[in-house]
Amino acid sequence: MGRYNYAVFNPFRDRSAERAAAAYIEAMRRGDCLEAAKHGRNVVLPNQMSCQQMQADYHDYRAAFVQRLRDRADGENETILYYSNNGYEGNQVTVRRFGDSWSVAEFDNFW
């Protein structure tokens, strides 16, 4: 991140990866690790934390899970989504295609 403060998205893009990431982030915001697990596959979290550890550490910082999509980088079977409220710090979510569906593979913070 940090390349831009804005991005222009193609309005005709496939938003399947974004929907998978949004469902995962919403479950994390609510503190629902079981629901988050439904939208991810062996998700790698910051500092090798478990979902429960991350929920305990971020219990008072729910706003960390409420950020705007700022940018995305698309690969063949992988999309990296950058979320931020200020354009400089936020979350990076890596979503991978498994067959016909997308699942979160990595969730990380950048400050």
PDB file of N, CA and C in Angstrom:
ATOM      1  N   MET A   1       0.855  -1.176   0.000  1.00  0.00           N
ATOM      2  CA  MET A   1       0.000   0.000   0.000  1.00  0.00           C
ATOM      3  C   MET A   1       0.886   1.220   0.000  1.00  0.00           C
ATOM      4  N   GLY A   2       0.320   2.374   0.175  1.00  0.00           N
ATOM      5  CA  GLY A   2       1.095   3.583   0.197  1.00  0.00           C
ATOM      6  C   GLY A   2       1.440   4.110  -1.180  1.00  0.00           C
ATOM      7  N   ARG A   3       1.047   3.380  -2.228  1.00  0.00           N
ATOM      8  CA  ARG A   3       1.332   3.846  -3.580  1.00  0.00           C
ATOM      9  C   ARG A   3       0.442   5.024  -3.937  1.00  0.00           C
ATOM     10  N   TYR A   4      -0.830   4.962  -3.557  1.00  0.00           N
ATOM     11  CA  TYR A   4      -1.783   6.014  -3.901  1.00  0.00           C
ATOM     12  C   TYR A   4      -2.694   6.280  -2.711  1.00  0.00           C
ATOM     13  N   ASN A   5      -3.410   7.364  -2.793  1.00  0.00           N
ATOM     14  CA  ASN A   5      -4.467   7.649  -1.839  1.00  0.00           C
ATOM     15  C   ASN A   5      -5.831   7.376  -2.447  1.00  0.00           C
ATOM     16  N   TYR A   6      -5.870   6.987  -3.687  1.00  0.00           N
ATOM     17  CA  TYR A   6      -7.127   6.718  -4.361  1.00  0.00           C
ATOM     18  C   TYR A   6      -6.908   5.660  -5.433  1.00  0.00           C
ATOM     19  N   ALA A   7      -7.988   5.064  -5.857  1.00  0.00           N
ATOM     20  CA  ALA A   7      -7.946   4.101  -6.957  1.00  0.00           C
ATOM     21  C   ALA A   7      -9.245   4.237  -7.728  1.00  0.00           C
ATOM     22  N   VAL A   8      -9.180   4.027  -9.012  1.00  0.00           N
ATOM     23  CA  VAL A   8     -10.374   4.027  -9.842  1.00  0.00           C
ATOM     24  C   VAL A   8     -10.660   2.570 -10.187  1.00  0.00           C
ATOM     25  N   PHE A   9     -11.815   2.083  -9.712  1.00  0.00           N
ATOM     26  CA  PHE A   9     -12.177   0.691  -9.933  1.00  0.00           C
ATOM     27  C   PHE A   9     -13.004   0.544 -11.203  1.00  0.00           C
ATOM     28  N   ASN A  10     -12.792  -0.548 -11.891  1.00  0.00           N
ATOM     29  CA  ASN A  10     -13.604  -0.890 -13.046  1.00  0.00           C
ATOM     30  C   ASN A  10     -14.996  -1.262 -12.538  1.00  0.00           C
ATOM     31  N   PRO A  11     -16.025  -0.535 -12.935  1.00  0.00           N
ATOM     32  CA  PRO A  11     -17.375  -0.850 -12.430  1.00  0.00           C
ATOM     33  C   PRO A  11     -17.893  -2.202 -12.911  1.00  0.00           C
ATOM     34  N   PHE A  12     -17.252  -2.799 -13.901  1.00  0.00           N
ATOM     35  CA  PHE A  12     -17.690  -4.086 -14.435  1.00  0.00           C
ATOM     36  C   PHE A  12     -16.841  -5.252 -13.927  1.00  0.00           C
ATOM     37  N   ARG A  13     -15.979  -4.981 -12.956  1.00  0.00           N
ATOM     38  CA  ARG A  13     -15.096  -6.027 -12.442  1.00  0.00           C
ATOM     39  C   ARG A  13     -15.897  -7.114 -11.730  1.00  0.00           C
ATOM     40  N   ASP A  14     -15.296  -8.287 -11.644  1.00  0.00           N
ATOM     41  CA  ASP A  14     -15.890  -9.391 -10.890  1.00  0.00           C
ATOM     42  C   ASP A  14     -15.653  -9.101  -9.409  1.00  0.00           C
ATOM     43  N   ARG A  15     -16.715  -8.946  -8.658  1.00  0.00           N
ATOM     44  CA  ARG A  15     -16.599  -8.590  -7.247  1.00  0.00           C
ATOM     45  C   ARG A  15     -16.680  -9.794  -6.314  1.00  0.00           C
ATOM     46  N   SER A  16     -16.580 -10.993  -6.842  1.00  0.00           N
ATOM     47  CA  SER A  16     -16.672 -12.197  -6.014  1.00  0.00           C
ATOM     48  C   SER A  16     -15.615 -12.217  -4.917  1.00  0.00           C
ATOM     49  N   ALA A  17     -14.396 -11.848  -5.262  1.00  0.00           N
ATOM     50  CA  ALA A  17     -13.318 -11.824  -4.263  1.00  0.00           C
ATOM     51  C   ALA A  17     -13.615 -10.785  -3.186  1.00  0.00           C
ATOM     52  N   GLU A  18     -14.148  -9.646  -3.580  1.00  0.00           N
ATOM     53  CA  GLU A  18     -14.483  -8.596  -2.618  1.00  0.00           C
ATOM     54  C   GLU A  18     -15.596  -9.045  -1.678  1.00  0.00           C
ATOM     55  N   ARG A  19     -16.578  -9.765  -2.204  1.00  0.00           N
ATOM     56  CA  ARG A  19     -17.673 -10.250  -1.354  1.00  0.00           C
ATOM     57  C   ARG A  19     -17.168 -11.268  -0.327  1.00  0.00           C
ATOM     58  N   ALA A  20     -16.261 -12.150  -0.742  1.00  0.00           N
ATOM     59  CA  ALA A  20     -15.695 -13.128   0.197  1.00  0.00           C
ATOM     60  C   ALA A  20     -14.917 -12.410   1.300  1.00  0.00           C
ATOM     61  N   ALA A  21     -14.119 -11.426   0.919  1.00  0.00           N
ATOM     62  CA  ALA A  21     -13.348 -10.669   1.910  1.00  0.00           C
ATOM     63  C   ALA A  21     -14.272  -9.888   2.832  1.00  0.00           C
ATOM     64  N   ALA A  22     -15.320  -9.287   2.289  1.00  0.00           N
ATOM     65  CA  ALA A  22     -16.254  -8.503   3.101  1.00  0.00           C
ATOM     66  C   ALA A  22     -16.960  -9.383   4.133  1.00  0.00           C
ATOM     67  N   ALA A  23     -17.348 -10.589   3.743  1.00  0.00           N
ATOM     68  CA  ALA A  23     -18.009 -11.509   4.678  1.00  0.00           C
ATOM     69  C   ALA A  23     -17.051 -11.904   5.800  1.00  0.00           C
ATOM     70  N   TYR A  24     -15.796 -12.153   5.444  1.00  0.00           N
ATOM     71  CA  TYR A  24     -14.780 -12.512   6.437  1.00  0.00           C
ATOM     72  C   TYR A  24     -14.541 -11.346   7.412  1.00  0.00           C
ATOM     73  N   ILE A  25     -14.343 -10.159   6.873  1.00  0.00           N
ATOM     74  CA  ILE A  25     -14.069  -8.991   7.707  1.00  0.00           C
ATOM     75  C   ILE A  25     -15.254  -8.692   8.626  1.00  0.00           C
ATOM     76  N   GLU A  26     -16.466  -8.824   8.112  1.00  0.00           N
ATOM     77  CA  GLU A  26     -17.652  -8.581   8.939  1.00  0.00           C
ATOM     78  C   GLU A  26     -17.720  -9.572  10.101  1.00  0.00           C
ATOM     79  N   ALA A  27     -17.419 -10.833   9.834  1.00  0.00           N
ATOM     80  CA  ALA A  27     -17.404 -11.833  10.912  1.00  0.00           C
ATOM     81  C   ALA A  27     -16.319 -11.496  11.937  1.00  0.00           C
ATOM     82  N   MET A  28     -15.158 -11.059  11.478  1.00  0.00           N
ATOM     83  CA  MET A  28     -14.085 -10.669  12.391  1.00  0.00           C
ATOM     84  C   MET A  28     -14.492  -9.448  13.209  1.00  0.00           C
ATOM     85  N   ARG A  29     -15.171  -8.491  12.579  1.00  0.00           N
ATOM     86  CA  ARG A  29     -15.625  -7.300  13.296  1.00  0.00           C
ATOM     87  C   ARG A  29     -16.576  -7.684  14.433  1.00  0.00           C
ATOM     88  N   ARG A  30     -17.432  -8.662  14.172  1.00  0.00           N
ATOM     89  CA  ARG A  30     -18.377  -9.132  15.192  1.00  0.00           C
ATOM     90  C   ARG A  30     -17.709 -10.042  16.224  1.00  0.00           C
ATOM     91  N   GLY A  31     -16.475 -10.475  15.954  1.00  0.00           N
ATOM     92  CA  GLY A  31     -15.786 -11.379  16.876  1.00  0.00           C
ATOM     93  C   GLY A  31     -16.218 -12.818  16.725  1.00  0.00           C
ATOM     94  N   ASP A  32     -16.751 -13.180  15.566  1.00  0.00           N
ATOM     95  CA  ASP A  32     -17.298 -14.517  15.307  1.00  0.00           C
ATOM     96  C   ASP A  32     -16.303 -15.354  14.501  1.00  0.00           C
ATOM     97  N   CYS A  33     -15.408 -16.039  15.202  1.00  0.00           N
ATOM     98  CA  CYS A  33     -14.373 -16.838  14.539  1.00  0.00           C
ATOM     99  C   CYS A  33     -14.955 -18.008  13.743  1.00  0.00           C
ATOM    100  N   LEU A  34     -16.040 -18.597  14.223  1.00  0.00           N
ATOM    101  CA  LEU A  34     -16.658 -19.715  13.490  1.00  0.00           C
ATOM    102  C   LEU A  34     -17.195 -19.252  12.152  1.00  0.00           C
ATOM    103  N   GLU A  35     -17.843 -18.099  12.133  1.00  0.00           N
ATOM    104  CA  GLU A  35     -18.362 -17.561  10.870  1.00  0.00           C
ATOM    105  C   GLU A  35     -17.208 -17.137   9.959  1.00  0.00           C
ATOM    106  N   ALA A  36     -16.177 -16.531  10.523  1.00  0.00           N
ATOM    107  CA  ALA A  36     -15.018 -16.123   9.723  1.00  0.00           C
ATOM    108  C   ALA A  36     -14.382 -17.340   9.052  1.00  0.00           C
ATOM    109  N   ALA A  37     -14.321 -18.452   9.775  1.00  0.00           N
ATOM    110  CA  ALA A  37     -13.708 -19.669   9.230  1.00  0.00           C
ATOM    111  C   ALA A  37     -14.456 -20.181   8.006  1.00  0.00           C
ATOM    112  N   LYS A  38     -15.742 -19.896   7.901  1.00  0.00           N
ATOM    113  CA  LYS A  38     -16.530 -20.330   6.736  1.00  0.00           C
ATOM    114  C   LYS A  38     -16.106 -19.595   5.467  1.00  0.00           C
ATOM    115  N   HIS A  39     -15.476 -18.432   5.623  1.00  0.00           N
ATOM    116  CA  HIS A  39     -15.096 -17.606   4.476  1.00  0.00           C
ATOM    117  C   HIS A  39     -13.595 -17.623   4.218  1.00  0.00           C
ATOM    118  N   GLY A  40     -12.874 -18.489   4.923  1.00  0.00           N
ATOM    119  CA  GLY A  40     -11.432 -18.567   4.752  1.00  0.00           C
ATOM    120  C   GLY A  40     -10.938 -19.999   4.723  1.00  0.00           C
ATOM    121  N   ARG A  41      -9.711 -20.166   4.269  1.00  0.00           N
ATOM    122  CA  ARG A  41      -9.044 -21.472   4.252  1.00  0.00           C
ATOM    123  C   ARG A  41      -7.651 -21.311   4.822  1.00  0.00           C
ATOM    124  N   ASN A  42      -7.445 -21.906   6.000  1.00  0.00           N
ATOM    125  CA  ASN A  42      -6.133 -21.841   6.654  1.00  0.00           C
ATOM    126  C   ASN A  42      -5.583 -20.415   6.641  1.00  0.00           C
ATOM    127  N   VAL A  43      -6.391 -19.490   7.091  1.00  0.00           N
ATOM    128  CA  VAL A  43      -6.037 -18.070   7.025  1.00  0.00           C
ATOM    129  C   VAL A  43      -4.819 -17.781   7.887  1.00  0.00           C
ATOM    130  N   VAL A  44      -3.867 -17.077   7.302  1.00  0.00           N
ATOM    131  CA  VAL A  44      -2.673 -16.630   8.008  1.00  0.00           C
ATOM    132  C   VAL A  44      -2.985 -15.246   8.565  1.00  0.00           C
ATOM    133  N   LEU A  45      -2.907 -15.114   9.887  1.00  0.00           N
ATOM    134  CA  LEU A  45      -3.180 -13.853  10.575  1.00  0.00           C
ATOM    135  C   LEU A  45      -1.872 -13.222  11.029  1.00  0.00           C
ATOM    136  N   PRO A  46      -1.889 -11.932  11.380  1.00  0.00           N
ATOM    137  CA  PRO A  46      -0.656 -11.258  11.818  1.00  0.00           C
ATOM    138  C   PRO A  46       0.012 -11.988  12.982  1.00  0.00           C
ATOM    139  N   ASN A  47       1.315 -12.042  12.958  1.00  0.00           N
ATOM    140  CA  ASN A  47       2.125 -12.638  14.026  1.00  0.00           C
ATOM    141  C   ASN A  47       1.728 -14.076  14.348  1.00  0.00           C
ATOM    142  N   GLN A  48       1.220 -14.787  13.349  1.00  0.00           N
ATOM    143  CA  GLN A  48       0.827 -16.194  13.505  1.00  0.00           C
ATOM    144  C   GLN A  48      -0.226 -16.396  14.604  1.00  0.00           C
ATOM    145  N   MET A  49      -1.039 -15.364  14.853  1.00  0.00           N
ATOM    146  CA  MET A  49      -2.089 -15.458  15.866  1.00  0.00           C
ATOM    147  C   MET A  49      -3.205 -16.381  15.396  1.00  0.00           C
ATOM    148  N   SER A  50      -3.934 -16.911  16.350  1.00  0.00           N
ATOM    149  CA  SER A  50      -5.174 -17.611  16.026  1.00  0.00           C
ATOM    150  C   SER A  50      -6.273 -16.547  15.957  1.00  0.00           C
ATOM    151  N   CYS A  51      -7.406 -16.914  15.424  1.00  0.00           N
ATOM    152  CA  CYS A  51      -8.530 -15.978  15.378  1.00  0.00           C
ATOM    153  C   CYS A  51      -8.914 -15.534  16.786  1.00  0.00           C
ATOM    154  N   GLN A  52      -8.949 -16.469  17.720  1.00  0.00           N
ATOM    155  CA  GLN A  52      -9.323 -16.144  19.089  1.00  0.00           C
ATOM    156  C   GLN A  52      -8.322 -15.176  19.724  1.00  0.00           C
ATOM    157  N   GLN A  53      -7.026 -15.369  19.456  1.00  0.00           N
ATOM    158  CA  GLN A  53      -6.008 -14.460  19.986  1.00  0.00           C
ATOM    159  C   GLN A  53      -6.173 -13.066  19.382  1.00  0.00           C
ATOM    160  N   MET A  54      -6.445 -13.025  18.089  1.00  0.00           N
ATOM    161  CA  MET A  54      -6.617 -11.736  17.431  1.00  0.00           C
ATOM    162  C   MET A  54      -7.850 -11.024  17.979  1.00  0.00           C
ATOM    163  N   GLN A  55      -8.913 -11.762  18.228  1.00  0.00           N
ATOM    164  CA  GLN A  55     -10.120 -11.157  18.786  1.00  0.00           C
ATOM    165  C   GLN A  55      -9.844 -10.588  20.179  1.00  0.00           C
ATOM    166  N   ALA A  56      -9.068 -11.293  20.978  1.00  0.00           N
ATOM    167  CA  ALA A  56      -8.730 -10.807  22.319  1.00  0.00           C
ATOM    168  C   ALA A  56      -7.876  -9.540  22.235  1.00  0.00           C
ATOM    169  N   ASP A  57      -6.900  -9.537  21.327  1.00  0.00           N
ATOM    170  CA  ASP A  57      -6.012  -8.378  21.184  1.00  0.00           C
ATOM    171  C   ASP A  57      -6.736  -7.162  20.615  1.00  0.00           C
ATOM    172  N   TYR A  58      -7.721  -7.380  19.725  1.00  0.00           N
ATOM    173  CA  TYR A  58      -8.400  -6.281  19.040  1.00  0.00           C
ATOM    174  C   TYR A  58      -9.796  -6.010  19.595  1.00  0.00           C
ATOM    175  N   HIS A  59     -10.087  -6.550  20.768  1.00  0.00           N
ATOM    176  CA  HIS A  59     -11.431  -6.405  21.338  1.00  0.00           C
ATOM    177  C   HIS A  59     -11.871  -4.945  21.437  1.00  0.00           C
ATOM    178  N   ASP A  60     -10.972  -4.068  21.810  1.00  0.00           N
ATOM    179  CA  ASP A  60     -11.312  -2.653  21.958  1.00  0.00           C
ATOM    180  C   ASP A  60     -11.063  -1.841  20.688  1.00  0.00           C
ATOM    181  N   TYR A  61     -10.689  -2.506  19.608  1.00  0.00           N
ATOM    182  CA  TYR A  61     -10.354  -1.803  18.358  1.00  0.00           C
ATOM    183  C   TYR A  61     -11.170  -2.350  17.185  1.00  0.00           C
ATOM    184  N   ARG A  62     -12.463  -2.449  17.340  1.00  0.00           N
ATOM    185  CA  ARG A  62     -13.323  -2.988  16.280  1.00  0.00           C
ATOM    186  C   ARG A  62     -13.260  -2.151  15.008  1.00  0.00           C
ATOM    187  N   ALA A  63     -12.915  -0.870  15.139  1.00  0.00           N
ATOM    188  CA  ALA A  63     -12.808  -0.012  13.958  1.00  0.00           C
ATOM    189  C   ALA A  63     -11.719  -0.512  13.009  1.00  0.00           C
ATOM    190  N   ALA A  64     -10.796  -1.315  13.509  1.00  0.00           N
ATOM    191  CA  ALA A  64      -9.754  -1.872  12.638  1.00  0.00           C
ATOM    192  C   ALA A  64     -10.361  -2.771  11.558  1.00  0.00           C
ATOM    193  N   PHE A  65     -11.593  -3.240  11.798  1.00  0.00           N
ATOM    194  CA  PHE A  65     -12.270  -4.100  10.823  1.00  0.00           C
ATOM    195  C   PHE A  65     -13.317  -3.351  10.007  1.00  0.00           C
ATOM    196  N   VAL A  66     -13.355  -2.028  10.146  1.00  0.00           N
ATOM    197  CA  VAL A  66     -14.331  -1.223   9.403  1.00  0.00           C
ATOM    198  C   VAL A  66     -13.547  -0.194   8.596  1.00  0.00           C
ATOM    199  N   GLN A  67     -13.170  -0.584   7.398  1.00  0.00           N
ATOM    200  CA  GLN A  67     -12.367   0.288   6.548  1.00  0.00           C
ATOM    201  C   GLN A  67     -12.842   0.176   5.109  1.00  0.00           C
ATOM    202  N   ARG A  68     -12.583   1.211   4.358  1.00  0.00           N
ATOM    203  CA  ARG A  68     -12.968   1.255   2.940  1.00  0.00           C
ATOM    204  C   ARG A  68     -11.987   0.461   2.085  1.00  0.00           C
ATOM    205  N   LEU A  69     -12.509  -0.144   1.040  1.00  0.00           N
ATOM    206  CA  LEU A  69     -11.651  -0.776   0.043  1.00  0.00           C
ATOM    207  C   LEU A  69     -10.981   0.348  -0.739  1.00  0.00           C
ATOM    208  N   ARG A  70      -9.659   0.336  -0.737  1.00  0.00           N
ATOM    209  CA  ARG A  70      -8.894   1.401  -1.400  1.00  0.00           C
ATOM    210  C   ARG A  70      -8.237   0.971  -2.700  1.00  0.00           C
ATOM    211  N   ASP A  71      -7.870  -0.305  -2.779  1.00  0.00           N
ATOM    212  CA  ASP A  71      -7.123  -0.756  -3.958  1.00  0.00           C
ATOM    213  C   ASP A  71      -7.210  -2.262  -4.025  1.00  0.00           C
ATOM    214  N   ARG A  72      -6.917  -2.809  -5.185  1.00  0.00           N
ATOM    215  CA  ARG A  72      -6.862  -4.255  -5.347  1.00  0.00           C
ATOM    216  C   ARG A  72      -5.834  -4.582  -6.409  1.00  0.00           C
ATOM    217  N   ALA A  73      -5.206  -5.738  -6.228  1.00  0.00           N
ATOM    218  CA  ALA A  73      -4.239  -6.250  -7.195  1.00  0.00           C
ATOM    219  C   ALA A  73      -4.702  -7.648  -7.563  1.00  0.00           C
ATOM    220  N   ASP A  74      -4.994  -7.846  -8.833  1.00  0.00           N
ATOM    221  CA  ASP A  74      -5.531  -9.119  -9.300  1.00  0.00           C
ATOM    222  C   ASP A  74      -4.460  -9.981  -9.941  1.00  0.00           C
ATOM    223  N   GLY A  75      -4.449 -11.246  -9.551  1.00  0.00           N
ATOM    224  CA  GLY A  75      -3.619 -12.253 -10.195  1.00  0.00           C
ATOM    225  C   GLY A  75      -4.544 -13.265 -10.839  1.00  0.00           C
ATOM    226  N   GLU A  76      -3.990 -14.352 -11.315  1.00  0.00           N
ATOM    227  CA  GLU A  76      -4.805 -15.350 -12.002  1.00  0.00           C
ATOM    228  C   GLU A  76      -5.820 -15.999 -11.065  1.00  0.00           C
ATOM    229  N   ASN A  77      -5.377 -16.467  -9.919  1.00  0.00           N
ATOM    230  CA  ASN A  77      -6.272 -17.098  -8.944  1.00  0.00           C
ATOM    231  C   ASN A  77      -6.154 -16.471  -7.571  1.00  0.00           C
ATOM    232  N   GLU A  78      -5.681 -15.229  -7.528  1.00  0.00           N
ATOM    233  CA  GLU A  78      -5.478 -14.552  -6.255  1.00  0.00           C
ATOM    234  C   GLU A  78      -5.737 -13.060  -6.426  1.00  0.00           C
ATOM    235  N   THR A  79      -6.391 -12.484  -5.447  1.00  0.00           N
ATOM    236  CA  THR A  79      -6.628 -11.042  -5.427  1.00  0.00           C
ATOM    237  C   THR A  79      -6.212 -10.526  -4.062  1.00  0.00           C
ATOM    238  N   ILE A  80      -5.465  -9.439  -4.065  1.00  0.00           N
ATOM    239  CA  ILE A  80      -5.071  -8.788  -2.819  1.00  0.00           C
ATOM    240  C   ILE A  80      -5.866  -7.499  -2.725  1.00  0.00           C
ATOM    241  N   LEU A  81      -6.589  -7.363  -1.625  1.00  0.00           N
ATOM    242  CA  LEU A  81      -7.446  -6.202  -1.397  1.00  0.00           C
ATOM    243  C   LEU A  81      -6.855  -5.357  -0.280  1.00  0.00           C
ATOM    244  N   TYR A  82      -6.787  -4.051  -0.498  1.00  0.00           N
ATOM    245  CA  TYR A  82      -6.228  -3.122   0.471  1.00  0.00           C
ATOM    246  C   TYR A  82      -7.352  -2.255   1.030  1.00  0.00           C
ATOM    247  N   TYR A  83      -7.522  -2.280   2.344  1.00  0.00           N
ATOM    248  CA  TYR A  83      -8.553  -1.516   3.029  1.00  0.00           C
ATOM    249  C   TYR A  83      -7.896  -0.472   3.913  1.00  0.00           C
ATOM    250  N   SER A  84      -8.435   0.743   3.902  1.00  0.00           N
ATOM    251  CA  SER A  84      -7.872   1.808   4.736  1.00  0.00           C
ATOM    252  C   SER A  84      -8.882   2.943   4.853  1.00  0.00           C
ATOM    253  N   ASN A  85      -8.818   3.646   5.952  1.00  0.00           N
ATOM    254  CA  ASN A  85      -9.641   4.842   6.102  1.00  0.00           C
ATOM    255  C   ASN A  85      -8.871   6.109   5.766  1.00  0.00           C
ATOM    256  N   ASN A  86      -7.548   6.029   5.810  1.00  0.00           N
ATOM    257  CA  ASN A  86      -6.754   7.227   5.544  1.00  0.00           C
ATOM    258  C   ASN A  86      -5.820   7.079   4.345  1.00  0.00           C
ATOM    259  N   GLY A  87      -5.786   5.900   3.731  1.00  0.00           N
ATOM    260  CA  GLY A  87      -4.945   5.702   2.556  1.00  0.00           C
ATOM    261  C   GLY A  87      -3.524   5.275   2.854  1.00  0.00           C
ATOM    262  N   TYR A  88      -3.154   5.198   4.134  1.00  0.00           N
ATOM    263  CA  TYR A  88      -1.779   4.851   4.480  1.00  0.00           C
ATOM    264  C   TYR A  88      -1.673   3.627   5.368  1.00  0.00           C
ATOM    265  N   GLU A  89      -2.609   3.449   6.284  1.00  0.00           N
ATOM    266  CA  GLU A  89      -2.563   2.301   7.178  1.00  0.00           C
ATOM    267  C   GLU A  89      -3.910   1.593   7.118  1.00  0.00           C
ATOM    268  N   GLY A  90      -3.877   0.279   7.316  1.00  0.00           N
ATOM    269  CA  GLY A  90      -5.127  -0.462   7.245  1.00  0.00           C
ATOM    270  C   GLY A  90      -4.902  -1.955   7.214  1.00  0.00           C
ATOM    271  N   ASN A  91      -5.717  -2.636   6.429  1.00  0.00           N
ATOM    272  CA  ASN A  91      -5.664  -4.091   6.334  1.00  0.00           C
ATOM    273  C   ASN A  91      -5.439  -4.532   4.898  1.00  0.00           C
ATOM    274  N   GLN A  92      -4.748  -5.634   4.778  1.00  0.00           N
ATOM    275  CA  GLN A  92      -4.524  -6.270   3.484  1.00  0.00           C
ATOM    276  C   GLN A  92      -5.134  -7.665   3.576  1.00  0.00           C
ATOM    277  N   VAL A  93      -6.024  -7.979   2.653  1.00  0.00           N
ATOM    278  CA  VAL A  93      -6.690  -9.278   2.640  1.00  0.00           C
ATOM    279  C   VAL A  93      -6.360  -9.970   1.326  1.00  0.00           C
ATOM    280  N   THR A  94      -5.777 -11.162   1.421  1.00  0.00           N
ATOM    281  CA  THR A  94      -5.481 -11.967   0.239  1.00  0.00           C
ATOM    282  C   THR A  94      -6.578 -13.008   0.100  1.00  0.00           C
ATOM    283  N   VAL A  95      -7.206 -13.022  -1.069  1.00  0.00           N
ATOM    284  CA  VAL A  95      -8.303 -13.945  -1.351  1.00  0.00           C
ATOM    285  C   VAL A  95      -7.873 -14.822  -2.514  1.00  0.00           C
ATOM    286  N   ARG A  96      -8.077 -16.140  -2.379  1.00  0.00           N
ATOM    287  CA  ARG A  96      -7.692 -17.075  -3.438  1.00  0.00           C
ATOM    288  C   ARG A  96      -8.904 -17.823  -3.962  1.00  0.00           C
ATOM    289  N   ARG A  97      -8.828 -18.137  -5.247  1.00  0.00           N
ATOM    290  CA  ARG A  97      -9.900 -18.902  -5.884  1.00  0.00           C
ATOM    291  C   ARG A  97      -9.630 -20.388  -5.675  1.00  0.00           C
ATOM    292  N   PHE A  98     -10.642 -21.082  -5.177  1.00  0.00           N
ATOM    293  CA  PHE A  98     -10.622 -22.531  -5.013  1.00  0.00           C
ATOM    294  C   PHE A  98     -11.807 -23.063  -5.808  1.00  0.00           C
ATOM    295  N   GLY A  99     -11.534 -23.589  -6.983  1.00  0.00           N
ATOM    296  CA  GLY A  99     -12.631 -24.037  -7.845  1.00  0.00           C
ATOM    297  C   GLY A  99     -13.428 -22.839  -8.318  1.00  0.00           C
ATOM    298  N   ASP A 100     -14.718 -22.823  -8.009  1.00  0.00           N
ATOM    299  CA  ASP A 100     -15.589 -21.726  -8.432  1.00  0.00           C
ATOM    300  C   ASP A 100     -15.822 -20.679  -7.347  1.00  0.00           C
ATOM    301  N   SER A 101     -15.165 -20.826  -6.197  1.00  0.00           N
ATOM    302  CA  SER A 101     -15.422 -19.885  -5.106  1.00  0.00           C
ATOM    303  C   SER A 101     -14.123 -19.242  -4.627  1.00  0.00           C
ATOM    304  N   TRP A 102     -14.274 -18.153  -3.900  1.00  0.00           N
ATOM    305  CA  TRP A 102     -13.151 -17.420  -3.344  1.00  0.00           C
ATOM    306  C   TRP A 102     -13.141 -17.578  -1.836  1.00  0.00           C
ATOM    307  N   SER A 103     -11.957 -17.695  -1.254  1.00  0.00           N
ATOM    308  CA  SER A 103     -11.799 -17.806   0.190  1.00  0.00           C
ATOM    309  C   SER A 103     -10.625 -16.940   0.633  1.00  0.00           C
ATOM    310  N   VAL A 104     -10.750 -16.367   1.816  1.00  0.00           N
ATOM    311  CA  VAL A 104      -9.664 -15.568   2.377  1.00  0.00           C
ATOM    312  C   VAL A 104      -8.528 -16.507   2.756  1.00  0.00           C
ATOM    313  N   ALA A 105      -7.315 -16.136   2.372  1.00  0.00           N
ATOM    314  CA  ALA A 105      -6.129 -16.940   2.677  1.00  0.00           C
ATOM    315  C   ALA A 105      -5.199 -16.217   3.655  1.00  0.00           C
ATOM    316  N   GLU A 106      -5.274 -14.881   3.665  1.00  0.00           N
ATOM    317  CA  GLU A 106      -4.389 -14.130   4.547  1.00  0.00           C
ATOM    318  C   GLU A 106      -5.043 -12.805   4.921  1.00  0.00           C
ATOM    319  N   PHE A 107      -4.874 -12.422   6.170  1.00  0.00           N
ATOM    320  CA  PHE A 107      -5.357 -11.135   6.680  1.00  0.00           C
ATOM    321  C   PHE A 107      -4.199 -10.498   7.420  1.00  0.00           C
ATOM    322  N   ASP A 108      -3.840  -9.283   7.039  1.00  0.00           N
ATOM    323  CA  ASP A 108      -2.696  -8.644   7.678  1.00  0.00           C
ATOM    324  C   ASP A 108      -2.978  -7.150   7.854  1.00  0.00           C
ATOM    325  N   ASN A 109      -2.293  -6.559   8.805  1.00  0.00           N
ATOM    326  CA  ASN A 109      -2.374  -5.117   9.058  1.00  0.00           C
ATOM    327  C   ASN A 109      -1.116  -4.460   8.529  1.00  0.00           C
ATOM    328  N   PHE A 110      -1.219  -3.232   8.110  1.00  0.00           N
ATOM    329  CA  PHE A 110      -0.025  -2.446   7.780  1.00  0.00           C
ATOM    330  C   PHE A 110      -0.179  -1.080   8.401  1.00  0.00           C
ATOM    331  N   TRP A 111       0.871  -0.648   9.055  1.00  0.00           N
ATOM    332  CA  TRP A 111       0.849   0.633   9.767  1.00  0.00           C
ATOM    333  C   TRP A 111       2.015   1.467   9.359  1.00  0.00           C
TER     334      TRP A 111
END
